Amino acid sequence: MEFKLQDGDYIELVQLLKRVKITMSGGEAKMLIAEGQVKRNGVTETRKRAKIRVGETVETQGKTVVIV
């Protein structure tokens, strides 16, 4: 799926997971990240507030999000 950045140059990883409805809450998103279940550009990302920018890819729970 694609996510279009609209407000600014980046979105924090926790916010992205909530906005695309992969998780229903920030707490759930933080848990996924802390457990090492989220990949950013193919590498496990453990920073909850990682700044995700245009051109990057986030993968978790069998879903891939491309930032456009």
PDB file of N, CA and C in Angstrom:
ATOM      1  N   MET A   1       0.841  -1.170   0.000  1.00  0.00           N
ATOM      2  CA  MET A   1       0.000   0.000   0.000  1.00  0.00           C
ATOM      3  C   MET A   1       0.885   1.231   0.000  1.00  0.00           C
ATOM      4  N   GLU A   2       0.354   2.349  -0.451  1.00  0.00           N
ATOM      5  CA  GLU A   2       1.098   3.602  -0.487  1.00  0.00           C
ATOM      6  C   GLU A   2       0.547   4.570   0.550  1.00  0.00           C
ATOM      7  N   PHE A   3       1.439   5.363   1.120  1.00  0.00           N
ATOM      8  CA  PHE A   3       1.042   6.411   2.057  1.00  0.00           C
ATOM      9  C   PHE A   3       1.649   7.710   1.557  1.00  0.00           C
ATOM     10  N   LYS A   4       0.804   8.690   1.322  1.00  0.00           N
ATOM     11  CA  LYS A   4       1.279   9.973   0.814  1.00  0.00           C
ATOM     12  C   LYS A   4       1.541  10.931   1.969  1.00  0.00           C
ATOM     13  N   LEU A   5       2.795  11.377   2.066  1.00  0.00           N
ATOM     14  CA  LEU A   5       3.162  12.367   3.085  1.00  0.00           C
ATOM     15  C   LEU A   5       2.534  13.701   2.705  1.00  0.00           C
ATOM     16  N   GLN A   6       1.817  14.305   3.641  1.00  0.00           N
ATOM     17  CA  GLN A   6       1.160  15.566   3.340  1.00  0.00           C
ATOM     18  C   GLN A   6       1.644  16.703   4.217  1.00  0.00           C
ATOM     19  N   ASP A   7       1.908  16.430   5.460  1.00  0.00           N
ATOM     20  CA  ASP A   7       2.288  17.480   6.401  1.00  0.00           C
ATOM     21  C   ASP A   7       3.760  17.355   6.765  1.00  0.00           C
ATOM     22  N   GLY A   8       4.620  18.058   6.059  1.00  0.00           N
ATOM     23  CA  GLY A   8       6.042  18.042   6.394  1.00  0.00           C
ATOM     24  C   GLY A   8       6.850  17.046   5.601  1.00  0.00           C
ATOM     25  N   ASP A   9       8.100  16.883   6.048  1.00  0.00           N
ATOM     26  CA  ASP A   9       9.062  16.037   5.340  1.00  0.00           C
ATOM     27  C   ASP A   9       9.061  14.588   5.800  1.00  0.00           C
ATOM     28  N   TYR A  10       8.430  14.314   6.944  1.00  0.00           N
ATOM     29  CA  TYR A  10       8.490  12.966   7.510  1.00  0.00           C
ATOM     30  C   TYR A  10       7.264  12.697   8.376  1.00  0.00           C
ATOM     31  N   ILE A  11       7.116  11.408   8.730  1.00  0.00           N
ATOM     32  CA  ILE A  11       6.121  10.990   9.714  1.00  0.00           C
ATOM     33  C   ILE A  11       6.830  10.030  10.663  1.00  0.00           C
ATOM     34  N   GLU A  12       6.534  10.142  11.948  1.00  0.00           N
ATOM     35  CA  GLU A  12       7.143   9.225  12.917  1.00  0.00           C
ATOM     36  C   GLU A  12       6.569   7.826  12.704  1.00  0.00           C
ATOM     37  N   LEU A  13       7.400   6.830  12.916  1.00  0.00           N
ATOM     38  CA  LEU A  13       7.009   5.439  12.669  1.00  0.00           C
ATOM     39  C   LEU A  13       5.732   5.046  13.404  1.00  0.00           C
ATOM     40  N   VAL A  14       5.619   5.403  14.677  1.00  0.00           N
ATOM     41  CA  VAL A  14       4.420   5.067  15.457  1.00  0.00           C
ATOM     42  C   VAL A  14       3.176   5.676  14.805  1.00  0.00           C
ATOM     43  N   GLN A  15       3.285   6.930  14.385  1.00  0.00           N
ATOM     44  CA  GLN A  15       2.150   7.615  13.759  1.00  0.00           C
ATOM     45  C   GLN A  15       1.766   6.954  12.428  1.00  0.00           C
ATOM     46  N   LEU A  16       2.768   6.552  11.658  1.00  0.00           N
ATOM     47  CA  LEU A  16       2.511   5.894  10.374  1.00  0.00           C
ATOM     48  C   LEU A  16       1.714   4.611  10.571  1.00  0.00           C
ATOM     49  N   LEU A  17       2.135   3.788  11.522  1.00  0.00           N
ATOM     50  CA  LEU A  17       1.445   2.512  11.747  1.00  0.00           C
ATOM     51  C   LEU A  17      -0.013   2.735  12.135  1.00  0.00           C
ATOM     52  N   LYS A  18      -0.283   3.785  12.878  1.00  0.00           N
ATOM     53  CA  LYS A  18      -1.672   4.103  13.251  1.00  0.00           C
ATOM     54  C   LYS A  18      -2.438   4.656  12.045  1.00  0.00           C
ATOM     55  N   ARG A  19      -1.828   5.554  11.291  1.00  0.00           N
ATOM     56  CA  ARG A  19      -2.524   6.214  10.176  1.00  0.00           C
ATOM     57  C   ARG A  19      -2.940   5.240   9.076  1.00  0.00           C
ATOM     58  N   VAL A  20      -2.117   4.217   8.834  1.00  0.00           N
ATOM     59  CA  VAL A  20      -2.468   3.247   7.787  1.00  0.00           C
ATOM     60  C   VAL A  20      -3.257   2.067   8.354  1.00  0.00           C
ATOM     61  N   LYS A  21      -3.632   2.183   9.636  1.00  0.00           N
ATOM     62  CA  LYS A  21      -4.499   1.202  10.298  1.00  0.00           C
ATOM     63  C   LYS A  21      -3.873  -0.189  10.436  1.00  0.00           C
ATOM     64  N   ILE A  22      -2.545  -0.234  10.511  1.00  0.00           N
ATOM     65  CA  ILE A  22      -1.889  -1.506  10.820  1.00  0.00           C
ATOM     66  C   ILE A  22      -2.092  -1.798  12.303  1.00  0.00           C
ATOM     67  N   THR A  23      -2.062  -0.735  13.112  1.00  0.00           N
ATOM     68  CA  THR A  23      -2.364  -0.869  14.536  1.00  0.00           C
ATOM     69  C   THR A  23      -3.516   0.069  14.874  1.00  0.00           C
ATOM     70  N   MET A  24      -4.206  -0.222  15.944  1.00  0.00           N
ATOM     71  CA  MET A  24      -5.350   0.599  16.342  1.00  0.00           C
ATOM     72  C   MET A  24      -4.963   1.673  17.357  1.00  0.00           C
ATOM     73  N   SER A  25      -3.773   1.530  17.969  1.00  0.00           N
ATOM     74  CA  SER A  25      -3.365   2.507  18.980  1.00  0.00           C
ATOM     75  C   SER A  25      -1.856   2.698  18.946  1.00  0.00           C
ATOM     76  N   GLY A  26      -1.425   3.781  19.564  1.00  0.00           N
ATOM     77  CA  GLY A  26       0.000   4.035  19.666  1.00  0.00           C
ATOM     78  C   GLY A  26       0.696   2.983  20.518  1.00  0.00           C
ATOM     79  N   GLY A  27       0.011   2.533  21.562  1.00  0.00           N
ATOM     80  CA  GLY A  27       0.578   1.501  22.426  1.00  0.00           C
ATOM     81  C   GLY A  27       0.844   0.214  21.677  1.00  0.00           C
ATOM     82  N   GLU A  28      -0.108  -0.166  20.837  1.00  0.00           N
ATOM     83  CA  GLU A  28       0.050  -1.377  20.028  1.00  0.00           C
ATOM     84  C   GLU A  28       1.209  -1.215  19.043  1.00  0.00           C
ATOM     85  N   ALA A  29       1.320  -0.034  18.439  1.00  0.00           N
ATOM     86  CA  ALA A  29       2.413   0.238  17.500  1.00  0.00           C
ATOM     87  C   ALA A  29       3.758   0.174  18.207  1.00  0.00           C
ATOM     88  N   LYS A  30       3.835   0.768  19.393  1.00  0.00           N
ATOM     89  CA  LYS A  30       5.086   0.754  20.156  1.00  0.00           C
ATOM     90  C   LYS A  30       5.496  -0.659  20.520  1.00  0.00           C
ATOM     91  N   MET A  31       4.525  -1.505  20.834  1.00  0.00           N
ATOM     92  CA  MET A  31       4.808  -2.897  21.175  1.00  0.00           C
ATOM     93  C   MET A  31       5.406  -3.644  19.971  1.00  0.00           C
ATOM     94  N   LEU A  32       4.792  -3.473  18.801  1.00  0.00           N
ATOM     95  CA  LEU A  32       5.303  -4.119  17.584  1.00  0.00           C
ATOM     96  C   LEU A  32       6.750  -3.710  17.325  1.00  0.00           C
ATOM     97  N   ILE A  33       7.009  -2.415  17.460  1.00  0.00           N
ATOM     98  CA  ILE A  33       8.358  -1.890  17.206  1.00  0.00           C
ATOM     99  C   ILE A  33       9.340  -2.447  18.231  1.00  0.00           C
ATOM    100  N   ALA A  34       8.971  -2.404  19.500  1.00  0.00           N
ATOM    101  CA  ALA A  34       9.852  -2.886  20.577  1.00  0.00           C
ATOM    102  C   ALA A  34      10.169  -4.370  20.425  1.00  0.00           C
ATOM    103  N   GLU A  35       9.235  -5.138  19.894  1.00  0.00           N
ATOM    104  CA  GLU A  35       9.428  -6.582  19.698  1.00  0.00           C
ATOM    105  C   GLU A  35      10.227  -6.897  18.440  1.00  0.00           C
ATOM    106  N   GLY A  36      10.631  -5.865  17.696  1.00  0.00           N
ATOM    107  CA  GLY A  36      11.434  -6.076  16.490  1.00  0.00           C
ATOM    108  C   GLY A  36      10.649  -6.602  15.314  1.00  0.00           C
ATOM    109  N   GLN A  37       9.343  -6.330  15.281  1.00  0.00           N
ATOM    110  CA  GLN A  37       8.488  -6.841  14.209  1.00  0.00           C
ATOM    111  C   GLN A  37       8.292  -5.863  13.057  1.00  0.00           C
ATOM    112  N   VAL A  38       9.012  -4.729  13.086  1.00  0.00           N
ATOM    113  CA  VAL A  38       8.850  -3.724  12.033  1.00  0.00           C
ATOM    114  C   VAL A  38      10.181  -3.540  11.315  1.00  0.00           C
ATOM    115  N   LYS A  39      10.133  -3.568   9.983  1.00  0.00           N
ATOM    116  CA  LYS A  39      11.332  -3.342   9.180  1.00  0.00           C
ATOM    117  C   LYS A  39      11.190  -2.044   8.398  1.00  0.00           C
ATOM    118  N   ARG A  40      12.277  -1.309   8.355  1.00  0.00           N
ATOM    119  CA  ARG A  40      12.350  -0.065   7.587  1.00  0.00           C
ATOM    120  C   ARG A  40      13.412  -0.276   6.523  1.00  0.00           C
ATOM    121  N   ASN A  41      13.005  -0.235   5.273  1.00  0.00           N
ATOM    122  CA  ASN A  41      13.927  -0.482   4.159  1.00  0.00           C
ATOM    123  C   ASN A  41      14.664  -1.809   4.322  1.00  0.00           C
ATOM    124  N   GLY A  42      13.958  -2.822   4.827  1.00  0.00           N
ATOM    125  CA  GLY A  42      14.513  -4.161   4.944  1.00  0.00           C
ATOM    126  C   GLY A  42      15.309  -4.435   6.209  1.00  0.00           C
ATOM    127  N   VAL A  43      15.461  -3.418   7.074  1.00  0.00           N
ATOM    128  CA  VAL A  43      16.246  -3.565   8.305  1.00  0.00           C
ATOM    129  C   VAL A  43      15.327  -3.348   9.506  1.00  0.00           C
ATOM    130  N   THR A  44      15.447  -4.192  10.524  1.00  0.00           N
ATOM    131  CA  THR A  44      14.614  -4.057  11.723  1.00  0.00           C
ATOM    132  C   THR A  44      14.806  -2.677  12.338  1.00  0.00           C
ATOM    133  N   GLU A  45      13.686  -2.004  12.600  1.00  0.00           N
ATOM    134  CA  GLU A  45      13.702  -0.658  13.193  1.00  0.00           C
ATOM    135  C   GLU A  45      13.143  -0.744  14.608  1.00  0.00           C
ATOM    136  N   THR A  46      13.904  -0.259  15.581  1.00  0.00           N
ATOM    137  CA  THR A  46      13.465  -0.322  16.975  1.00  0.00           C
ATOM    138  C   THR A  46      13.207   1.054  17.568  1.00  0.00           C
ATOM    139  N   ARG A  47      13.386   2.101  16.771  1.00  0.00           N
ATOM    140  CA  ARG A  47      13.133   3.466  17.264  1.00  0.00           C
ATOM    141  C   ARG A  47      11.678   3.837  16.971  1.00  0.00           C
ATOM    142  N   LYS A  48      10.930   4.058  18.012  1.00  0.00           N
ATOM    143  CA  LYS A  48       9.504   4.357  17.869  1.00  0.00           C
ATOM    144  C   LYS A  48       9.254   5.667  17.114  1.00  0.00           C
ATOM    145  N   ARG A  49      10.121   6.616  17.311  1.00  0.00           N
ATOM    146  CA  ARG A  49       9.950   7.929  16.674  1.00  0.00           C
ATOM    147  C   ARG A  49      10.841   8.118  15.455  1.00  0.00           C
ATOM    148  N   ALA A  50      11.264   7.025  14.844  1.00  0.00           N
ATOM    149  CA  ALA A  50      12.087   7.118  13.637  1.00  0.00           C
ATOM    150  C   ALA A  50      11.355   7.954  12.600  1.00  0.00           C
ATOM    151  N   LYS A  51      12.077   8.842  11.941  1.00  0.00           N
ATOM    152  CA  LYS A  51      11.481   9.729  10.941  1.00  0.00           C
ATOM    153  C   LYS A  51      11.448   9.022   9.590  1.00  0.00           C
ATOM    154  N   ILE A  52      10.252   8.691   9.141  1.00  0.00           N
ATOM    155  CA  ILE A  52      10.062   7.982   7.883  1.00  0.00           C
ATOM    156  C   ILE A  52       9.799   9.018   6.790  1.00  0.00           C
ATOM    157  N   ARG A  53      10.588   8.947   5.718  1.00  0.00           N
ATOM    158  CA  ARG A  53      10.524   9.956   4.655  1.00  0.00           C
ATOM    159  C   ARG A  53      10.118   9.343   3.311  1.00  0.00           C
ATOM    160  N   VAL A  54       9.831  10.215   2.348  1.00  0.00           N
ATOM    161  CA  VAL A  54       9.445   9.792   0.998  1.00  0.00           C
ATOM    162  C   VAL A  54      10.495   8.833   0.435  1.00  0.00           C
ATOM    163  N   GLY A  55      10.021   7.762  -0.193  1.00  0.00           N
ATOM    164  CA  GLY A  55      10.901   6.778  -0.813  1.00  0.00           C
ATOM    165  C   GLY A  55      11.227   5.593   0.074  1.00  0.00           C
ATOM    166  N   GLU A  56      10.879   5.679   1.361  1.00  0.00           N
ATOM    167  CA  GLU A  56      11.174   4.583   2.273  1.00  0.00           C
ATOM    168  C   GLU A  56      10.036   3.558   2.278  1.00  0.00           C
ATOM    169  N   THR A  57      10.367   2.368   2.771  1.00  0.00           N
ATOM    170  CA  THR A  57       9.412   1.270   2.854  1.00  0.00           C
ATOM    171  C   THR A  57       9.383   0.748   4.284  1.00  0.00           C
ATOM    172  N   VAL A  58       8.179   0.498   4.790  1.00  0.00           N
ATOM    173  CA  VAL A  58       7.998  -0.065   6.126  1.00  0.00           C
ATOM    174  C   VAL A  58       7.215  -1.364   5.976  1.00  0.00           C
ATOM    175  N   GLU A  59       7.711  -2.426   6.623  1.00  0.00           N
ATOM    176  CA  GLU A  59       7.055  -3.732   6.546  1.00  0.00           C
ATOM    177  C   GLU A  59       6.760  -4.254   7.944  1.00  0.00           C
ATOM    178  N   THR A  60       5.568  -4.798   8.128  1.00  0.00           N
ATOM    179  CA  THR A  60       5.205  -5.465   9.373  1.00  0.00           C
ATOM    180  C   THR A  60       3.939  -6.285   9.158  1.00  0.00           C
ATOM    181  N   GLN A  61       3.822  -7.364   9.849  1.00  0.00           N
ATOM    182  CA  GLN A  61       2.642  -8.228   9.824  1.00  0.00           C
ATOM    183  C   GLN A  61       2.187  -8.571   8.402  1.00  0.00           C
ATOM    184  N   GLY A  62       3.132  -8.813   7.524  1.00  0.00           N
ATOM    185  CA  GLY A  62       2.820  -9.192   6.152  1.00  0.00           C
ATOM    186  C   GLY A  62       2.345  -8.048   5.271  1.00  0.00           C
ATOM    187  N   LYS A  63       2.428  -6.823   5.765  1.00  0.00           N
ATOM    188  CA  LYS A  63       2.008  -5.653   4.990  1.00  0.00           C
ATOM    189  C   LYS A  63       3.197  -4.758   4.707  1.00  0.00           C
ATOM    190  N   THR A  64       3.208  -4.169   3.523  1.00  0.00           N
ATOM    191  CA  THR A  64       4.280  -3.258   3.134  1.00  0.00           C
ATOM    192  C   THR A  64       3.669  -1.900   2.826  1.00  0.00           C
ATOM    193  N   VAL A  65       4.282  -0.852   3.380  1.00  0.00           N
ATOM    194  CA  VAL A  65       3.824   0.519   3.143  1.00  0.00           C
ATOM    195  C   VAL A  65       4.963   1.274   2.476  1.00  0.00           C
ATOM    196  N   VAL A  66       4.672   1.856   1.316  1.00  0.00           N
ATOM    197  CA  VAL A  66       5.652   2.659   0.588  1.00  0.00           C
ATOM    198  C   VAL A  66       5.273   4.124   0.766  1.00  0.00           C
ATOM    199  N   ILE A  67       6.232   4.948   1.176  1.00  0.00           N
ATOM    200  CA  ILE A  67       5.974   6.361   1.403  1.00  0.00           C
ATOM    201  C   ILE A  67       6.213   7.117   0.094  1.00  0.00           C
ATOM    202  N   VAL A  68       5.179   7.850  -0.321  1.00  0.00           N
ATOM    203  CA  VAL A  68       5.257   8.624  -1.569  1.00  0.00           C
ATOM    204  C   VAL A  68       5.024  10.099  -1.319  1.00  0.00           C
TER     205      VAL A  68
END
